Every structure is written in C-alpha cells, then in structure tokens.
C-alpha cells in the first residue's frame, strides 16, 4: 500500500483512489469523517450535512462562492460507508466514496472520487492526498499540517 493515490480512467472521466491505514478504530475514523467539528480540522467547514441517504452535504473550502462543494448524500451506513455527490462550480458533478474496514486494531480507509474532469484529476489527487494527511493528524489528536503547503509539495508527484 502506498500513500499516493491511483489516478484511473473512468470512461471519458477520471477517478482517484486512496487506501490509507489509520491506527484508530473504525468508529473513531468514522467520527472524523462525519462529525462537522472534526471535518473542519481536516477537510472543510460543514455548512450542512444531513446524515441520511437522500440528505444533503454542503462543504465550504474558502470564503468565495466558487469554493463550495455540495450534493446529495447517496449512502450513509455507520461506521463503514459514506458516499455523496460532489458538485463543484464549473465542473460536472462527481461522486466521493469513503469505505472504512476494520484492520486489526486499526482502520483501512478506502477513498474513491470518481467522475472527475480529466483536466482536474491531478489536482484532486494531490488535494485528497493532502486532506488525508490532515485526517491522520486529526485522528491522532494532533494539529493538521498546513494544507496549502502540503498540496504544493504533493502536486509534482501527481503530474
């Protein structure tokens, strides 16, 4: 298993997939992936998140109107599956899926973001990689690294 995400063809679109192991129980990782206060520490500000299939999710990544992802929650199965649409301004919608599997004393997290615009896949690869590094810190009770610096450091590896 490598920390680098795998960029794949997805028809005329692209996908990025990650496998990460965390030294925490699935319930702890699930909390970090679904609880707004914890999500703020590694992903984004949660404006809205209805924890049911068919509900909505609305994530703010910055102050501008073009820095918001939103969509319908497609699956919410605690503590193992979360899937939601990803509508980002200027892009066709895509889908993000988190799967958490017990792995001994820890958790194997599978993240797949599929249906990405080809030109954006590299940035999403580096972006999710940086977010998952921040998630690692949150799960360990540490301060997350600077996302922008980590993204800039990772981007060449995805090109």
Protein backbone atom coordinates (compact mmCIF):
# COMPACT_ATOMS: atom_id res chain seq x y z
CA UNK A 1 0.00 0.00 0.00
CA UNK A 2 1.31 3.45 -0.89
CA UNK A 3 0.14 6.83 0.31
CA UNK A 4 -0.07 8.09 -3.27
CA UNK A 5 -3.50 7.91 -4.82
CA UNK A 6 -4.08 5.98 -8.01
CA UNK A 7 -5.36 8.04 -10.93
CA UNK A 8 -7.51 5.93 -13.25
CA UNK A 9 -9.54 6.26 -16.42
CA UNK A 10 -13.27 6.31 -15.67
CA UNK A 11 -14.82 6.24 -19.16
CA UNK A 12 -14.27 9.72 -20.56
CA UNK A 13 -13.71 10.96 -16.99
CA UNK A 14 -11.07 10.13 -14.35
CA UNK A 15 -11.07 8.83 -10.78
CA UNK A 16 -8.61 8.90 -7.91
CA UNK A 17 -8.45 6.16 -5.29
CA UNK A 18 -6.62 6.01 -1.97
CA UNK A 19 -6.03 3.26 0.57
CA UNK A 20 -4.87 4.52 3.96
CA UNK A 21 -4.41 2.70 7.24
CA UNK A 22 -5.10 4.58 10.47
CA UNK A 23 -4.14 3.40 13.95
CA UNK A 24 -7.63 4.01 15.30
CA UNK A 25 -10.86 2.03 15.47
CA UNK A 26 -13.34 2.47 12.59
CA UNK A 27 -15.70 4.33 14.93
CA UNK A 28 -13.03 6.99 15.62
CA UNK A 29 -12.20 7.41 11.93
CA UNK A 30 -15.93 7.47 11.11
CA UNK A 31 -16.40 10.30 13.61
CA UNK A 32 -13.59 12.26 11.96
CA UNK A 33 -15.14 11.71 8.52
CA UNK A 34 -18.73 12.60 9.52
CA UNK A 35 -18.77 14.97 12.51
CA UNK A 36 -18.71 18.64 11.47
CA UNK A 37 -16.26 19.80 14.14
CA UNK A 38 -13.77 17.09 13.21
CA UNK A 39 -14.32 17.55 9.46
CA UNK A 40 -13.34 21.21 9.85
CA UNK A 41 -9.93 20.06 11.12
CA UNK A 42 -9.03 18.08 8.02
CA UNK A 43 -11.45 18.79 5.17
CA UNK A 44 -13.69 21.86 5.20
CA UNK A 45 -16.28 23.84 7.10
CA UNK A 46 -19.54 21.91 7.15
CA UNK A 47 -22.38 24.25 6.26
CA UNK A 48 -24.93 21.45 6.09
CA UNK A 49 -24.72 17.67 6.42
CA UNK A 50 -27.85 15.57 6.73
CA UNK A 51 -26.61 12.19 7.95
CA UNK A 52 -29.09 10.15 5.90
CA UNK A 53 -29.15 8.77 2.38
CA UNK A 54 -31.04 11.34 0.31
CA UNK A 55 -29.95 14.17 2.58
CA UNK A 56 -27.60 16.97 1.58
CA UNK A 57 -23.99 17.90 2.22
CA UNK A 58 -22.56 21.38 1.76
CA UNK A 59 -18.82 21.97 2.38
CA UNK A 60 -17.12 25.39 2.33
CA UNK A 61 -13.41 25.35 1.49
CA UNK A 62 -12.88 29.12 1.45
CA UNK A 63 -14.66 32.45 1.55
CA UNK A 64 -15.58 32.74 -2.12
CA UNK A 65 -18.77 31.47 -3.75
CA UNK A 66 -16.64 29.24 -6.02
CA UNK A 67 -15.10 27.40 -3.05
CA UNK A 68 -18.11 25.30 -2.10
CA UNK A 69 -18.84 21.63 -2.80
CA UNK A 70 -22.36 20.32 -2.35
CA UNK A 71 -24.54 17.40 -3.26
CA UNK A 72 -26.87 14.65 -2.15
CA UNK A 73 -25.80 12.00 0.33
CA UNK A 74 -26.02 8.73 -1.61
CA UNK A 75 -25.06 6.32 1.20
CA UNK A 76 -24.69 6.74 4.95
CA UNK A 77 -24.01 3.43 6.72
CA UNK A 78 -22.23 3.98 10.06
CA UNK A 79 -19.44 3.20 10.67
CA UNK A 80 -18.42 1.93 7.26
CA UNK A 81 -19.77 3.72 4.16
CA UNK A 82 -20.28 7.36 3.25
CA UNK A 83 -20.90 8.40 -0.35
CA UNK A 84 -22.03 11.75 -1.70
CA UNK A 85 -22.28 13.75 -4.88
CA UNK A 86 -19.64 16.39 -5.43
CA UNK A 87 -20.83 19.49 -7.27
CA UNK A 88 -18.01 21.99 -7.70
CA UNK A 89 -18.53 25.28 -9.57
CA UNK A 90 -17.61 24.98 -13.23
CA UNK A 91 -17.41 21.15 -13.19
CA UNK A 92 -19.84 18.35 -13.92
CA UNK A 93 -20.80 16.52 -10.77
CA UNK A 94 -18.71 13.63 -9.48
CA UNK A 95 -19.02 11.21 -6.55
CA UNK A 96 -16.89 10.76 -3.40
CA UNK A 97 -17.00 7.44 -1.50
CA UNK A 98 -15.39 6.56 1.82
CA UNK A 99 -15.28 2.94 2.98
CA UNK A 100 -13.89 2.02 6.39
CA UNK A 101 -12.81 -1.54 7.15
CA UNK A 102 -11.56 -2.87 10.46
CA UNK A 103 -7.90 -3.84 10.09
CA UNK A 104 -6.67 -5.47 13.30
CA UNK A 105 -6.60 -2.69 15.89
CA UNK A 106 -6.89 -0.04 13.19
CA UNK A 107 -8.88 1.00 10.16
CA UNK A 108 -8.32 0.73 6.44
CA UNK A 109 -9.90 3.71 4.73
CA UNK A 110 -10.69 3.48 1.03
CA UNK A 111 -11.49 6.79 -0.63
CA UNK A 112 -12.54 7.00 -4.25
CA UNK A 113 -13.51 10.16 -6.08
CA UNK A 114 -14.92 9.17 -9.47
CA UNK A 115 -16.32 11.01 -12.44
CA UNK A 116 -13.68 13.75 -12.32
CA UNK A 117 -12.98 16.06 -15.26
CA UNK A 118 -9.73 14.81 -16.86
CA UNK A 119 -8.02 18.19 -16.53
CA UNK A 120 -8.79 18.33 -12.80
CA UNK A 121 -7.82 14.78 -11.76
CA UNK A 122 -4.20 15.62 -10.94
CA UNK A 123 -5.27 18.44 -8.63
CA UNK A 124 -7.85 16.24 -6.95
CA UNK A 125 -5.20 13.56 -6.42
CA UNK A 126 -2.86 15.97 -4.66
CA UNK A 127 -5.76 17.63 -2.86
CA UNK A 128 -7.26 14.47 -1.41
CA UNK A 129 -3.77 13.26 -0.51
CA UNK A 130 -3.19 16.45 1.49
CA UNK A 131 -6.63 16.15 3.12
CA UNK A 132 -5.96 12.53 4.13
CA UNK A 133 -2.64 13.60 5.68
CA UNK A 134 -4.63 16.14 7.69
CA UNK A 135 -7.14 13.42 8.64
CA UNK A 136 -4.26 11.35 10.01
CA UNK A 137 -3.33 14.23 12.31
CA UNK A 138 -6.94 14.74 13.47
CA UNK A 139 -7.35 11.01 14.23
CA UNK A 140 -4.14 11.13 16.29
CA UNK A 141 -5.28 14.25 18.17
CA UNK A 142 -2.60 16.44 16.60
CA UNK A 143 -2.72 19.70 14.70
CA UNK A 144 -3.17 19.17 10.98
CA UNK A 145 -0.35 20.21 8.66
CA UNK A 146 -0.81 23.32 6.52
CA UNK A 147 -3.00 22.06 3.66
CA UNK A 148 -1.78 24.58 1.07
CA UNK A 149 1.88 23.80 1.73
CA UNK A 150 1.25 20.05 1.66
CA UNK A 151 -0.76 20.34 -1.58
CA UNK A 152 2.06 22.30 -3.25
CA UNK A 153 4.59 19.71 -2.09
CA UNK A 154 2.49 16.81 -3.44
CA UNK A 155 1.34 18.23 -6.77
CA UNK A 156 4.52 17.30 -8.71
CA UNK A 157 4.09 13.66 -7.66
CA UNK A 158 0.68 13.57 -9.35
CA UNK A 159 1.80 15.21 -12.61
